[in-house]
């Protein structure tokens, strides 16, 4: 869900900029360019539109940092869990996918 939200924010930012005639490439490189443009003092955007887009950009950056932090914690936990590491030996299953399965159930 968090990954989908990050993608939604990225697409919303690029989509709204496209409505104003500013098109940026798809993916992380494109969103970097879009965020740089939105944060420029001399961006050719209406002031309120720029402010709204800066909010989207800030939400995107926060979501990106939060996801990276959470993934780092999950990977650290995975390294300490024998059961999670065992599940990760299944072809096509990585550390992030394996980590919820060995969790203790109440």
C-alpha atoms as a PDB file:
ATOM      1  CA  UNK A   1       0.000   0.000   0.000  1.00  0.00           C
ATOM      2  CA  UNK A   2       2.823   2.414   0.837  1.00  0.00           C
ATOM      3  CA  UNK A   3       4.515   1.742  -2.502  1.00  0.00           C
ATOM      4  CA  UNK A   4       1.224   2.348  -4.350  1.00  0.00           C
ATOM      5  CA  UNK A   5       0.774   5.615  -2.462  1.00  0.00           C
ATOM      6  CA  UNK A   6       4.287   6.723  -3.422  1.00  0.00           C
ATOM      7  CA  UNK A   7       3.589   5.933  -7.073  1.00  0.00           C
ATOM      8  CA  UNK A   8       0.229   7.735  -6.850  1.00  0.00           C
ATOM      9  CA  UNK A   9       1.937  10.857  -5.508  1.00  0.00           C
ATOM     10  CA  UNK A  10       4.604  10.694  -8.227  1.00  0.00           C
ATOM     11  CA  UNK A  11       1.973  10.348 -10.950  1.00  0.00           C
ATOM     12  CA  UNK A  12      -0.205  13.087  -9.463  1.00  0.00           C
ATOM     13  CA  UNK A  13       2.704  15.516  -9.410  1.00  0.00           C
ATOM     14  CA  UNK A  14       3.686  14.767 -13.006  1.00  0.00           C
ATOM     15  CA  UNK A  15       0.036  14.768 -14.139  1.00  0.00           C
ATOM     16  CA  UNK A  16      -0.788  18.129 -12.619  1.00  0.00           C
ATOM     17  CA  UNK A  17       2.353  19.651 -14.100  1.00  0.00           C
ATOM     18  CA  UNK A  18       1.339  18.258 -17.497  1.00  0.00           C
ATOM     19  CA  UNK A  19      -1.990  20.096 -17.156  1.00  0.00           C
ATOM     20  CA  UNK A  20       0.055  23.303 -17.065  1.00  0.00           C
ATOM     21  CA  UNK A  21       2.103  22.209 -20.084  1.00  0.00           C
ATOM     22  CA  UNK A  22       5.182  20.968 -18.237  1.00  0.00           C
ATOM     23  CA  UNK A  23       5.898  17.341 -19.126  1.00  0.00           C
ATOM     24  CA  UNK A  24       8.534  15.313 -17.298  1.00  0.00           C
ATOM     25  CA  UNK A  25       9.770  11.765 -17.976  1.00  0.00           C
ATOM     26  CA  UNK A  26       8.261   8.737 -16.237  1.00  0.00           C
ATOM     27  CA  UNK A  27      10.069   7.248 -13.244  1.00  0.00           C
ATOM     28  CA  UNK A  28      12.342   8.473 -10.509  1.00  0.00           C
ATOM     29  CA  UNK A  29      14.472  10.658 -12.804  1.00  0.00           C
ATOM     30  CA  UNK A  30      11.378  12.419 -14.104  1.00  0.00           C
ATOM     31  CA  UNK A  31       9.952  13.063 -10.672  1.00  0.00           C
ATOM     32  CA  UNK A  32      13.338  14.460  -9.557  1.00  0.00           C
ATOM     33  CA  UNK A  33      13.161  16.945 -12.436  1.00  0.00           C
ATOM     34  CA  UNK A  34       9.529  17.766 -11.633  1.00  0.00           C
ATOM     35  CA  UNK A  35      10.291  18.404  -7.963  1.00  0.00           C
ATOM     36  CA  UNK A  36      13.251  20.602  -8.867  1.00  0.00           C
ATOM     37  CA  UNK A  37      11.034  22.590 -11.205  1.00  0.00           C
ATOM     38  CA  UNK A  38       8.221  22.980  -8.656  1.00  0.00           C
ATOM     39  CA  UNK A  39      10.686  24.239  -6.042  1.00  0.00           C
ATOM     40  CA  UNK A  40      12.267  26.841  -8.349  1.00  0.00           C
ATOM     41  CA  UNK A  41      11.463  30.383  -7.309  1.00  0.00           C
ATOM     42  CA  UNK A  42      11.061  31.413 -10.967  1.00  0.00           C
ATOM     43  CA  UNK A  43       8.877  28.440 -12.045  1.00  0.00           C
ATOM     44  CA  UNK A  44       6.283  29.535 -14.605  1.00  0.00           C
ATOM     45  CA  UNK A  45       3.375  28.404 -12.439  1.00  0.00           C
ATOM     46  CA  UNK A  46       0.530  30.239 -10.775  1.00  0.00           C
ATOM     47  CA  UNK A  47       1.579  30.861  -7.153  1.00  0.00           C
ATOM     48  CA  UNK A  48      -1.264  28.800  -5.654  1.00  0.00           C
ATOM     49  CA  UNK A  49      -0.670  25.958  -8.113  1.00  0.00           C
ATOM     50  CA  UNK A  50       3.016  25.990  -7.235  1.00  0.00           C
ATOM     51  CA  UNK A  51       2.182  25.873  -3.535  1.00  0.00           C
ATOM     52  CA  UNK A  52      -0.176  22.905  -4.040  1.00  0.00           C
ATOM     53  CA  UNK A  53       2.428  21.090  -6.143  1.00  0.00           C
ATOM     54  CA  UNK A  54       5.088  21.744  -3.501  1.00  0.00           C
ATOM     55  CA  UNK A  55       2.814  20.032  -0.977  1.00  0.00           C
ATOM     56  CA  UNK A  56       2.564  16.988  -3.273  1.00  0.00           C
ATOM     57  CA  UNK A  57       6.339  17.026  -3.743  1.00  0.00           C
ATOM     58  CA  UNK A  58       6.880  17.195   0.024  1.00  0.00           C
ATOM     59  CA  UNK A  59       4.460  14.307   0.598  1.00  0.00           C
ATOM     60  CA  UNK A  60       6.287  12.282  -2.058  1.00  0.00           C
ATOM     61  CA  UNK A  61       9.678  12.947  -0.462  1.00  0.00           C
ATOM     62  CA  UNK A  62       8.372  12.062   2.996  1.00  0.00           C
ATOM     63  CA  UNK A  63       6.746   8.864   1.730  1.00  0.00           C
ATOM     64  CA  UNK A  64       9.939   7.885  -0.080  1.00  0.00           C
ATOM     65  CA  UNK A  65      12.049   8.382   3.082  1.00  0.00           C
ATOM     66  CA  UNK A  66       9.537   6.551   5.271  1.00  0.00           C
ATOM     67  CA  UNK A  67       9.447   3.554   2.920  1.00  0.00           C
ATOM     68  CA  UNK A  68      13.246   3.396   2.737  1.00  0.00           C
ATOM     69  CA  UNK A  69      13.491   3.533   6.535  1.00  0.00           C
ATOM     70  CA  UNK A  70      10.877   0.824   6.987  1.00  0.00           C
ATOM     71  CA  UNK A  71      12.534  -1.423   4.392  1.00  0.00           C
ATOM     72  CA  UNK A  72      15.853  -1.002   6.190  1.00  0.00           C
ATOM     73  CA  UNK A  73      14.250  -2.061   9.488  1.00  0.00           C
ATOM     74  CA  UNK A  74      12.550  -5.062   7.850  1.00  0.00           C
ATOM     75  CA  UNK A  75      15.829  -6.192   6.294  1.00  0.00           C
ATOM     76  CA  UNK A  76      17.631  -5.848   9.627  1.00  0.00           C
ATOM     77  CA  UNK A  77      14.941  -7.933  11.325  1.00  0.00           C
ATOM     78  CA  UNK A  78      15.061 -10.485   8.482  1.00  0.00           C
ATOM     79  CA  UNK A  79      18.783 -11.022   9.114  1.00  0.00           C
ATOM     80  CA  UNK A  80      18.032 -11.938  12.741  1.00  0.00           C
ATOM     81  CA  UNK A  81      15.155 -14.308  11.962  1.00  0.00           C
ATOM     82  CA  UNK A  82      16.093 -17.852  11.047  1.00  0.00           C
ATOM     83  CA  UNK A  83      12.520 -18.590   9.935  1.00  0.00           C
ATOM     84  CA  UNK A  84      12.404 -15.546   7.646  1.00  0.00           C
ATOM     85  CA  UNK A  85      15.760 -16.440   6.109  1.00  0.00           C
ATOM     86  CA  UNK A  86      14.519 -19.984   5.523  1.00  0.00           C
ATOM     87  CA  UNK A  87      11.394 -18.716   3.729  1.00  0.00           C
ATOM     88  CA  UNK A  88      13.622 -16.456   1.591  1.00  0.00           C
ATOM     89  CA  UNK A  89      15.375 -19.525   0.172  1.00  0.00           C
ATOM     90  CA  UNK A  90      12.239 -20.271  -1.868  1.00  0.00           C
ATOM     91  CA  UNK A  91      12.864 -19.161  -5.474  1.00  0.00           C
ATOM     92  CA  UNK A  92      11.177 -15.832  -6.169  1.00  0.00           C
ATOM     93  CA  UNK A  93      10.866 -14.909  -2.486  1.00  0.00           C
ATOM     94  CA  UNK A  94      13.127 -12.190  -1.163  1.00  0.00           C
ATOM     95  CA  UNK A  95      13.755 -10.782   2.281  1.00  0.00           C
ATOM     96  CA  UNK A  96      10.857  -8.308   2.170  1.00  0.00           C
ATOM     97  CA  UNK A  97       8.395 -10.939   0.975  1.00  0.00           C
ATOM     98  CA  UNK A  98       9.614 -13.541   3.457  1.00  0.00           C
ATOM     99  CA  UNK A  99       9.557 -11.367   6.550  1.00  0.00           C
ATOM    100  CA  UNK A 100       5.808 -11.460   7.380  1.00  0.00           C
ATOM    101  CA  UNK A 101       5.415 -15.254   7.276  1.00  0.00           C
ATOM    102  CA  UNK A 102       7.428 -16.326  10.328  1.00  0.00           C
ATOM    103  CA  UNK A 103       5.932 -13.599  12.538  1.00  0.00           C
ATOM    104  CA  UNK A 104       4.598 -14.893  15.830  1.00  0.00           C
ATOM    105  CA  UNK A 105       0.856 -15.221  15.952  1.00  0.00           C
ATOM    106  CA  UNK A 106      -1.113 -14.419  19.132  1.00  0.00           C
END
